[in-house]
Amino acid sequence: MPATLANAIGIQVFTFVFKDIAVKLTEAENWRTETEFRDKLIIRLFVFNCVNAYGSLYFLVFVQEQGRKRVIQRRFKVGAL
């Protein structure tokens, strides 16, 4: 439960912080029109929000699973699983 709460809080904090950073970076690129500016900002926020929201799921499925396999291999001296 504490890990879930920490993950939820982390996602919210990173979303809040990156929203400001994304706006400043997009303004620094100096797009010609407001439409170009909004399009690039939307793409940037979408990509970040996907990584931010699904990054922990990626970690659980791929990274942590590999760690479990290594622990099992060490404990039982089993070959590749």
N, C-alpha and C. Protein backbone atom coordinates (compact mmCIF):
# COMPACT_ATOMS: atom_id res chain seq x y z
N MET A 1 0.81 -1.21 0.00
CA MET A 1 0.00 0.00 0.00
C MET A 1 0.85 1.27 0.00
N PRO A 2 1.91 1.36 0.82
CA PRO A 2 2.72 2.59 0.78
C PRO A 2 3.39 2.81 -0.58
N ALA A 3 3.78 1.71 -1.25
CA ALA A 3 4.40 1.86 -2.57
C ALA A 3 3.40 2.40 -3.59
N THR A 4 2.17 1.96 -3.49
CA THR A 4 1.13 2.44 -4.39
C THR A 4 0.87 3.92 -4.17
N LEU A 5 0.81 4.31 -2.92
CA LEU A 5 0.59 5.72 -2.59
C LEU A 5 1.77 6.57 -3.07
N ALA A 6 2.98 6.09 -2.85
CA ALA A 6 4.16 6.83 -3.31
C ALA A 6 4.17 6.96 -4.83
N ASN A 7 3.77 5.90 -5.53
CA ASN A 7 3.71 5.94 -6.99
C ASN A 7 2.68 6.95 -7.46
N ALA A 8 1.51 6.95 -6.84
CA ALA A 8 0.45 7.88 -7.23
C ALA A 8 0.87 9.33 -6.99
N ILE A 9 1.50 9.57 -5.85
CA ILE A 9 1.97 10.93 -5.54
C ILE A 9 3.07 11.34 -6.50
N GLY A 10 3.98 10.42 -6.79
CA GLY A 10 5.07 10.71 -7.74
C GLY A 10 4.55 11.07 -9.11
N ILE A 11 3.56 10.34 -9.59
CA ILE A 11 2.98 10.63 -10.91
C ILE A 11 2.38 12.03 -10.92
N GLN A 12 1.65 12.39 -9.88
CA GLN A 12 1.05 13.72 -9.81
C GLN A 12 2.09 14.83 -9.74
N VAL A 13 3.13 14.61 -8.94
CA VAL A 13 4.19 15.63 -8.80
C VAL A 13 4.92 15.82 -10.12
N PHE A 14 5.31 14.71 -10.78
CA PHE A 14 6.01 14.83 -12.05
C PHE A 14 5.14 15.48 -13.12
N THR A 15 3.85 15.18 -13.13
CA THR A 15 2.94 15.81 -14.09
C THR A 15 2.89 17.31 -13.86
N PHE A 16 2.76 17.72 -12.62
CA PHE A 16 2.70 19.14 -12.28
C PHE A 16 3.99 19.86 -12.68
N VAL A 17 5.12 19.27 -12.35
CA VAL A 17 6.41 19.89 -12.64
C VAL A 17 6.67 19.93 -14.14
N PHE A 18 6.41 18.82 -14.83
CA PHE A 18 6.74 18.78 -16.25
C PHE A 18 5.85 19.68 -17.07
N LYS A 19 4.62 19.94 -16.61
CA LYS A 19 3.74 20.83 -17.36
C LYS A 19 4.39 22.20 -17.52
N ASP A 20 4.97 22.73 -16.44
CA ASP A 20 5.66 24.02 -16.50
C ASP A 20 6.91 23.94 -17.38
N ILE A 21 7.67 22.87 -17.23
CA ILE A 21 8.88 22.71 -18.03
C ILE A 21 8.53 22.60 -19.51
N ALA A 22 7.48 21.86 -19.84
CA ALA A 22 7.08 21.69 -21.24
C ALA A 22 6.68 23.01 -21.87
N VAL A 23 5.95 23.82 -21.13
CA VAL A 23 5.55 25.13 -21.66
C VAL A 23 6.77 26.00 -21.91
N LYS A 24 7.71 26.04 -20.97
CA LYS A 24 8.91 26.86 -21.14
C LYS A 24 9.77 26.37 -22.29
N LEU A 25 9.92 25.05 -22.44
CA LEU A 25 10.70 24.51 -23.55
C LEU A 25 10.04 24.81 -24.89
N THR A 26 8.74 24.68 -24.95
CA THR A 26 8.02 24.94 -26.20
C THR A 26 8.08 26.42 -26.55
N GLU A 27 7.98 27.29 -25.55
CA GLU A 27 8.13 28.73 -25.81
C GLU A 27 9.53 29.07 -26.31
N ALA A 28 10.53 28.37 -25.78
CA ALA A 28 11.92 28.63 -26.19
C ALA A 28 12.16 28.23 -27.64
N GLU A 29 11.38 27.31 -28.16
CA GLU A 29 11.53 26.89 -29.55
C GLU A 29 11.00 27.94 -30.53
N ASN A 30 10.17 28.88 -30.04
CA ASN A 30 9.71 30.02 -30.82
C ASN A 30 9.01 29.62 -32.12
N TRP A 31 7.89 28.93 -31.99
CA TRP A 31 7.11 28.51 -33.15
C TRP A 31 6.46 29.72 -33.81
N ARG A 32 6.26 29.65 -35.11
CA ARG A 32 5.74 30.78 -35.87
C ARG A 32 4.30 31.12 -35.53
N THR A 33 3.47 30.10 -35.37
CA THR A 33 2.06 30.36 -35.11
C THR A 33 1.64 29.74 -33.79
N GLU A 34 0.52 30.22 -33.29
CA GLU A 34 -0.04 29.68 -32.04
C GLU A 34 -0.47 28.22 -32.24
N THR A 35 -0.92 27.89 -33.44
CA THR A 35 -1.34 26.51 -33.73
C THR A 35 -0.16 25.56 -33.65
N GLU A 36 0.98 25.94 -34.24
CA GLU A 36 2.18 25.11 -34.15
C GLU A 36 2.62 24.95 -32.70
N PHE A 37 2.57 26.05 -31.96
CA PHE A 37 2.95 26.01 -30.55
C PHE A 37 2.08 25.02 -29.79
N ARG A 38 0.77 25.12 -29.95
CA ARG A 38 -0.15 24.23 -29.23
C ARG A 38 0.02 22.78 -29.66
N ASP A 39 0.22 22.56 -30.96
CA ASP A 39 0.41 21.18 -31.44
C ASP A 39 1.65 20.55 -30.81
N LYS A 40 2.75 21.27 -30.81
CA LYS A 40 4.00 20.74 -30.24
C LYS A 40 3.88 20.54 -28.73
N LEU A 41 3.20 21.45 -28.06
CA LEU A 41 3.00 21.32 -26.62
C LEU A 41 2.13 20.10 -26.30
N ILE A 42 1.09 19.89 -27.07
CA ILE A 42 0.21 18.73 -26.87
C ILE A 42 0.98 17.43 -27.06
N ILE A 43 1.78 17.35 -28.11
CA ILE A 43 2.58 16.15 -28.36
C ILE A 43 3.55 15.90 -27.21
N ARG A 44 4.23 16.95 -26.79
CA ARG A 44 5.20 16.82 -25.70
C ARG A 44 4.53 16.36 -24.40
N LEU A 45 3.39 16.95 -24.07
CA LEU A 45 2.69 16.56 -22.85
C LEU A 45 2.13 15.14 -22.96
N PHE A 46 1.64 14.77 -24.13
CA PHE A 46 1.11 13.42 -24.32
C PHE A 46 2.19 12.37 -24.12
N VAL A 47 3.33 12.57 -24.75
CA VAL A 47 4.43 11.60 -24.61
C VAL A 47 4.87 11.51 -23.15
N PHE A 48 5.05 12.64 -22.50
CA PHE A 48 5.48 12.60 -21.11
C PHE A 48 4.44 11.91 -20.23
N ASN A 49 3.17 12.24 -20.42
CA ASN A 49 2.14 11.62 -19.58
C ASN A 49 2.06 10.11 -19.79
N CYS A 50 2.28 9.65 -21.01
CA CYS A 50 2.31 8.20 -21.24
C CYS A 50 3.47 7.55 -20.51
N VAL A 51 4.64 8.13 -20.64
CA VAL A 51 5.81 7.58 -19.95
C VAL A 51 5.62 7.66 -18.44
N ASN A 52 5.10 8.77 -17.97
CA ASN A 52 4.90 8.97 -16.54
C ASN A 52 3.88 7.98 -15.97
N ALA A 53 2.77 7.79 -16.66
CA ALA A 53 1.71 6.94 -16.15
C ALA A 53 2.04 5.45 -16.28
N TYR A 54 2.70 5.06 -17.37
CA TYR A 54 2.93 3.64 -17.61
C TYR A 54 4.36 3.20 -17.30
N GLY A 55 5.21 4.11 -16.87
CA GLY A 55 6.58 3.75 -16.53
C GLY A 55 6.67 2.75 -15.40
N SER A 56 5.84 2.92 -14.38
CA SER A 56 5.88 1.99 -13.26
C SER A 56 5.37 0.61 -13.69
N LEU A 57 4.40 0.57 -14.59
CA LEU A 57 3.92 -0.71 -15.10
C LEU A 57 5.02 -1.41 -15.89
N TYR A 58 5.73 -0.66 -16.72
CA TYR A 58 6.87 -1.20 -17.47
C TYR A 58 7.90 -1.78 -16.50
N PHE A 59 8.19 -1.04 -15.44
CA PHE A 59 9.15 -1.51 -14.45
C PHE A 59 8.70 -2.83 -13.84
N LEU A 60 7.45 -2.91 -13.44
CA LEU A 60 6.95 -4.14 -12.81
C LEU A 60 7.00 -5.33 -13.75
N VAL A 61 6.62 -5.12 -14.99
CA VAL A 61 6.52 -6.23 -15.93
C VAL A 61 7.88 -6.70 -16.43
N PHE A 62 8.77 -5.78 -16.76
CA PHE A 62 10.02 -6.17 -17.40
C PHE A 62 11.21 -6.15 -16.47
N VAL A 63 11.43 -5.10 -15.75
CA VAL A 63 12.63 -4.96 -14.94
C VAL A 63 12.56 -5.83 -13.70
N GLN A 64 11.47 -5.74 -12.95
CA GLN A 64 11.36 -6.50 -11.72
C GLN A 64 11.28 -8.00 -12.02
N GLU A 65 10.66 -8.39 -13.10
CA GLU A 65 10.58 -9.80 -13.46
C GLU A 65 11.96 -10.38 -13.72
N GLN A 66 12.83 -9.61 -14.37
CA GLN A 66 14.20 -10.08 -14.61
C GLN A 66 14.95 -10.25 -13.29
N GLY A 67 14.70 -9.36 -12.36
CA GLY A 67 15.33 -9.48 -11.04
C GLY A 67 14.88 -10.73 -10.32
N ARG A 68 13.60 -11.06 -10.43
CA ARG A 68 13.10 -12.29 -9.80
C ARG A 68 13.74 -13.52 -10.40
N LYS A 69 13.91 -13.52 -11.71
CA LYS A 69 14.54 -14.67 -12.36
C LYS A 69 15.97 -14.85 -11.88
N ARG A 70 16.69 -13.76 -11.71
CA ARG A 70 18.06 -13.85 -11.22
C ARG A 70 18.12 -14.39 -9.80
N VAL A 71 17.20 -13.96 -8.96
CA VAL A 71 17.16 -14.45 -7.58
C VAL A 71 16.89 -15.94 -7.57
N ILE A 72 15.96 -16.40 -8.38
CA ILE A 72 15.64 -17.82 -8.44
C ILE A 72 16.84 -18.61 -8.95
N GLN A 73 17.51 -18.09 -9.97
CA GLN A 73 18.68 -18.77 -10.50
C GLN A 73 19.78 -18.89 -9.46
N ARG A 74 20.00 -17.83 -8.68
CA ARG A 74 21.04 -17.88 -7.65
C ARG A 74 20.67 -18.83 -6.52
N ARG A 75 19.44 -18.79 -6.08
CA ARG A 75 19.03 -19.63 -4.94
C ARG A 75 19.06 -21.10 -5.29
N PHE A 76 18.59 -21.44 -6.45
CA PHE A 76 18.46 -22.85 -6.79
C PHE A 76 19.51 -23.30 -7.81
N LYS A 77 20.41 -22.40 -8.18
CA LYS A 77 21.47 -22.70 -9.15
C LYS A 77 20.90 -23.35 -10.41
N VAL A 78 19.86 -22.71 -10.92
CA VAL A 78 19.17 -23.18 -12.11
C VAL A 78 19.75 -22.43 -13.31
N GLY A 79 19.76 -23.07 -14.47
CA GLY A 79 20.22 -22.42 -15.69
C GLY A 79 19.24 -21.36 -16.12
N ALA A 80 19.36 -20.91 -17.35
CA ALA A 80 18.47 -19.86 -17.86
C ALA A 80 17.03 -20.34 -17.85
N LEU A 81 16.15 -19.46 -17.41
CA LEU A 81 14.72 -19.80 -17.36
C LEU A 81 14.03 -19.38 -18.62
